């Protein structure tokens, strides 16, 4: 099924970081990893920004997990004297 929605001005949509971020989060929740398919024009720019935003979200999650793991390791480490 294809869902089509009129979201208004394409340039405004591309510069709306909140919309792009929510779109990327929604795709990740559904287990989809957006990619750049080589489209030109507006659709290509849309794919690129959603893909880059998704990668940034995943990198932040990974960094947060690493930080959490490091804090736990430091907390659980025996105190050396």
N, C-alpha and C. Protein backbone atom coordinates (compact mmCIF):
# COMPACT_ATOMS: atom_id res chain seq x y z
N UNK A 1 0.84 -1.16 0.00
CA UNK A 1 0.00 0.00 0.00
C UNK A 1 0.90 1.24 0.00
N UNK A 2 0.49 2.24 -0.71
CA UNK A 2 1.22 3.49 -0.79
C UNK A 2 0.38 4.58 -0.16
N UNK A 3 0.96 5.28 0.79
CA UNK A 3 0.27 6.37 1.48
C UNK A 3 0.85 7.68 0.98
N UNK A 4 0.00 8.53 0.45
CA UNK A 4 0.44 9.81 -0.09
C UNK A 4 -0.20 10.93 0.72
N UNK A 5 0.61 11.91 1.10
CA UNK A 5 0.10 13.04 1.88
C UNK A 5 0.72 14.32 1.34
N UNK A 6 -0.06 15.36 1.28
CA UNK A 6 0.44 16.68 0.88
C UNK A 6 0.98 17.35 2.13
N UNK A 7 2.28 17.54 2.19
CA UNK A 7 2.92 18.11 3.36
C UNK A 7 3.33 19.56 3.15
N UNK A 8 2.85 20.16 2.09
CA UNK A 8 3.13 21.57 1.84
C UNK A 8 4.41 21.79 1.06
N UNK A 9 5.01 22.94 1.30
CA UNK A 9 6.20 23.38 0.59
C UNK A 9 7.39 22.44 0.84
N UNK A 10 7.94 21.89 -0.22
CA UNK A 10 9.02 20.92 -0.12
C UNK A 10 10.27 21.52 0.55
N UNK A 11 10.61 22.74 0.21
CA UNK A 11 11.82 23.36 0.79
C UNK A 11 11.65 23.57 2.29
N UNK A 12 10.47 23.98 2.71
CA UNK A 12 10.22 24.16 4.15
C UNK A 12 10.29 22.82 4.87
N UNK A 13 9.76 21.79 4.23
CA UNK A 13 9.78 20.47 4.84
C UNK A 13 11.22 19.98 5.03
N UNK A 14 12.06 20.18 4.01
CA UNK A 14 13.46 19.74 4.09
C UNK A 14 14.22 20.48 5.18
N UNK A 15 13.82 21.70 5.48
CA UNK A 15 14.53 22.48 6.50
C UNK A 15 13.88 22.34 7.88
N UNK A 16 12.83 21.52 7.99
CA UNK A 16 12.15 21.31 9.26
C UNK A 16 12.81 20.13 9.98
N UNK A 17 13.77 20.44 10.83
CA UNK A 17 14.55 19.38 11.49
C UNK A 17 13.68 18.50 12.39
N UNK A 18 12.65 19.07 12.97
CA UNK A 18 11.77 18.28 13.83
C UNK A 18 11.03 17.22 13.00
N UNK A 19 10.52 17.62 11.85
CA UNK A 19 9.82 16.67 10.99
C UNK A 19 10.78 15.56 10.52
N UNK A 20 11.96 15.95 10.09
CA UNK A 20 12.94 14.98 9.60
C UNK A 20 13.33 14.01 10.72
N UNK A 21 13.55 14.54 11.91
CA UNK A 21 13.92 13.69 13.05
C UNK A 21 12.80 12.72 13.41
N UNK A 22 11.57 13.21 13.45
CA UNK A 22 10.43 12.33 13.75
C UNK A 22 10.27 11.25 12.69
N UNK A 23 10.48 11.61 11.44
CA UNK A 23 10.41 10.64 10.35
C UNK A 23 11.47 9.56 10.53
N UNK A 24 12.69 9.98 10.84
CA UNK A 24 13.79 9.02 11.04
C UNK A 24 13.49 8.10 12.22
N UNK A 25 13.00 8.67 13.33
CA UNK A 25 12.66 7.84 14.49
C UNK A 25 11.55 6.84 14.15
N UNK A 26 10.54 7.28 13.42
CA UNK A 26 9.44 6.39 13.03
C UNK A 26 9.95 5.24 12.17
N UNK A 27 10.84 5.54 11.25
CA UNK A 27 11.40 4.49 10.40
C UNK A 27 12.19 3.48 11.22
N UNK A 28 12.98 3.97 12.17
CA UNK A 28 13.76 3.07 13.02
C UNK A 28 12.85 2.20 13.89
N UNK A 29 11.76 2.76 14.39
CA UNK A 29 10.81 1.98 15.19
C UNK A 29 10.23 0.83 14.38
N UNK A 30 10.06 1.05 13.08
CA UNK A 30 9.50 0.02 12.21
C UNK A 30 10.58 -0.93 11.68
N UNK A 31 11.83 -0.69 12.08
CA UNK A 31 12.92 -1.55 11.65
C UNK A 31 13.44 -1.23 10.26
N UNK A 32 13.11 -0.06 9.75
CA UNK A 32 13.54 0.33 8.40
C UNK A 32 14.77 1.23 8.50
N UNK A 33 15.72 0.98 7.65
CA UNK A 33 16.91 1.82 7.57
C UNK A 33 16.88 2.52 6.22
N UNK A 34 16.57 3.81 6.22
CA UNK A 34 16.50 4.53 4.94
C UNK A 34 17.87 4.64 4.28
N UNK A 35 17.87 4.57 2.98
CA UNK A 35 19.10 4.70 2.21
C UNK A 35 18.90 5.72 1.11
N UNK A 36 20.00 6.19 0.59
CA UNK A 36 19.95 7.08 -0.57
C UNK A 36 19.95 6.20 -1.82
N UNK A 37 18.88 6.27 -2.59
CA UNK A 37 18.74 5.43 -3.78
C UNK A 37 19.26 6.08 -5.04
N UNK A 38 19.81 7.27 -4.94
CA UNK A 38 20.33 7.94 -6.13
C UNK A 38 19.30 8.77 -6.87
N UNK A 39 18.16 8.99 -6.24
CA UNK A 39 17.15 9.85 -6.86
C UNK A 39 17.69 11.27 -6.96
N UNK A 40 17.23 12.00 -7.92
CA UNK A 40 17.60 13.40 -8.07
C UNK A 40 16.50 14.30 -7.51
N UNK A 41 16.73 15.56 -7.58
CA UNK A 41 15.72 16.54 -7.20
C UNK A 41 15.33 16.49 -5.74
N UNK A 42 14.09 16.89 -5.49
CA UNK A 42 13.59 16.99 -4.12
C UNK A 42 13.60 15.63 -3.43
N UNK A 43 13.17 14.60 -4.11
CA UNK A 43 13.11 13.28 -3.48
C UNK A 43 14.51 12.80 -3.08
N UNK A 44 15.48 13.05 -3.91
CA UNK A 44 16.85 12.67 -3.57
C UNK A 44 17.36 13.42 -2.35
N UNK A 45 17.07 14.70 -2.28
CA UNK A 45 17.49 15.49 -1.12
C UNK A 45 16.76 15.02 0.14
N UNK A 46 15.47 14.66 -0.01
CA UNK A 46 14.70 14.14 1.11
C UNK A 46 15.30 12.83 1.61
N UNK A 47 15.59 11.92 0.69
CA UNK A 47 16.19 10.64 1.07
C UNK A 47 17.53 10.86 1.78
N UNK A 48 18.32 11.77 1.26
CA UNK A 48 19.64 12.03 1.84
C UNK A 48 19.53 12.55 3.26
N UNK A 49 18.65 13.52 3.50
CA UNK A 49 18.57 14.11 4.84
C UNK A 49 17.96 13.14 5.84
N UNK A 50 16.99 12.34 5.42
CA UNK A 50 16.41 11.35 6.34
C UNK A 50 17.45 10.27 6.64
N UNK A 51 18.19 9.84 5.65
CA UNK A 51 19.22 8.83 5.85
C UNK A 51 20.31 9.35 6.80
N UNK A 52 20.79 10.56 6.57
CA UNK A 52 21.84 11.13 7.43
C UNK A 52 21.34 11.33 8.85
N UNK A 53 20.08 11.74 9.00
CA UNK A 53 19.51 11.93 10.33
C UNK A 53 19.39 10.60 11.06
N UNK A 54 18.98 9.56 10.35
CA UNK A 54 18.86 8.23 10.93
C UNK A 54 20.23 7.73 11.40
N UNK A 55 21.24 7.92 10.60
CA UNK A 55 22.60 7.51 10.98
C UNK A 55 23.05 8.27 12.22
N UNK A 56 22.76 9.56 12.29
CA UNK A 56 23.13 10.37 13.45
C UNK A 56 22.41 9.87 14.71
N UNK A 57 21.14 9.50 14.59
CA UNK A 57 20.39 8.96 15.73
C UNK A 57 21.04 7.67 16.22
N UNK A 58 21.36 6.78 15.30
CA UNK A 58 21.98 5.52 15.67
C UNK A 58 23.35 5.73 16.31
N UNK A 59 24.12 6.69 15.80
CA UNK A 59 25.44 6.98 16.39
C UNK A 59 25.29 7.54 17.80
N UNK A 60 24.29 8.41 18.02
CA UNK A 60 24.05 8.94 19.37
C UNK A 60 23.65 7.82 20.32
N UNK A 61 22.80 6.93 19.85
CA UNK A 61 22.39 5.80 20.70
C UNK A 61 23.59 4.94 21.07
N UNK A 62 24.44 4.68 20.09
CA UNK A 62 25.63 3.88 20.33
C UNK A 62 26.57 4.56 21.33
N UNK A 63 26.75 5.86 21.17
CA UNK A 63 27.61 6.62 22.09
C UNK A 63 27.01 6.63 23.50
N UNK A 64 25.70 6.80 23.58
CA UNK A 64 25.04 6.79 24.89
C UNK A 64 25.19 5.44 25.57
N UNK A 65 25.08 4.37 24.81
CA UNK A 65 25.25 3.03 25.36
C UNK A 65 26.67 2.83 25.85
N UNK A 66 27.64 3.29 25.09
CA UNK A 66 29.05 3.17 25.48
C UNK A 66 29.32 3.97 26.76
N UNK A 67 28.76 5.19 26.83
CA UNK A 67 28.92 6.00 28.04
C UNK A 67 28.30 5.32 29.25
N UNK A 68 27.12 4.77 29.07
CA UNK A 68 26.44 4.08 30.16
C UNK A 68 27.26 2.88 30.62
N UNK A 69 27.80 2.14 29.66
CA UNK A 69 28.63 0.98 29.98
C UNK A 69 29.89 1.41 30.75
N UNK A 70 30.52 2.50 30.31
CA UNK A 70 31.72 3.00 30.99
C UNK A 70 31.41 3.44 32.41
N UNK A 71 30.29 4.14 32.60
CA UNK A 71 29.92 4.60 33.94
C UNK A 71 29.67 3.41 34.87
N UNK A 72 29.01 2.38 34.33
CA UNK A 72 28.74 1.19 35.14
C UNK A 72 30.05 0.50 35.51
N UNK A 73 30.96 0.40 34.54
CA UNK A 73 32.25 -0.25 34.80
C UNK A 73 33.03 0.52 35.87
N UNK A 74 33.02 1.85 35.80
CA UNK A 74 33.73 2.66 36.78
C UNK A 74 33.09 2.53 38.15
N UNK A 75 31.76 2.48 38.17
CA UNK A 75 31.04 2.37 39.44
C UNK A 75 31.31 1.02 40.09
N UNK A 76 31.38 -0.03 39.27
CA UNK A 76 31.56 -1.37 39.79
C UNK A 76 33.03 -1.76 40.04
N UNK A 77 33.94 -0.94 39.57
CA UNK A 77 35.38 -1.24 39.74
C UNK A 77 35.76 -1.16 41.21
N UNK A 78 36.58 -2.10 41.67
CA UNK A 78 37.03 -2.02 43.06
C UNK A 78 37.93 -0.80 43.26
N UNK A 79 37.86 -0.24 44.43
CA UNK A 79 38.69 0.94 44.74
C UNK A 79 40.12 0.48 45.05
N UNK A 80 41.06 0.94 44.26
CA UNK A 80 42.46 0.57 44.48
C UNK A 80 43.11 1.49 45.49
N UNK A 81 43.99 0.92 46.29
CA UNK A 81 44.69 1.75 47.28
C UNK A 81 46.14 1.50 47.19
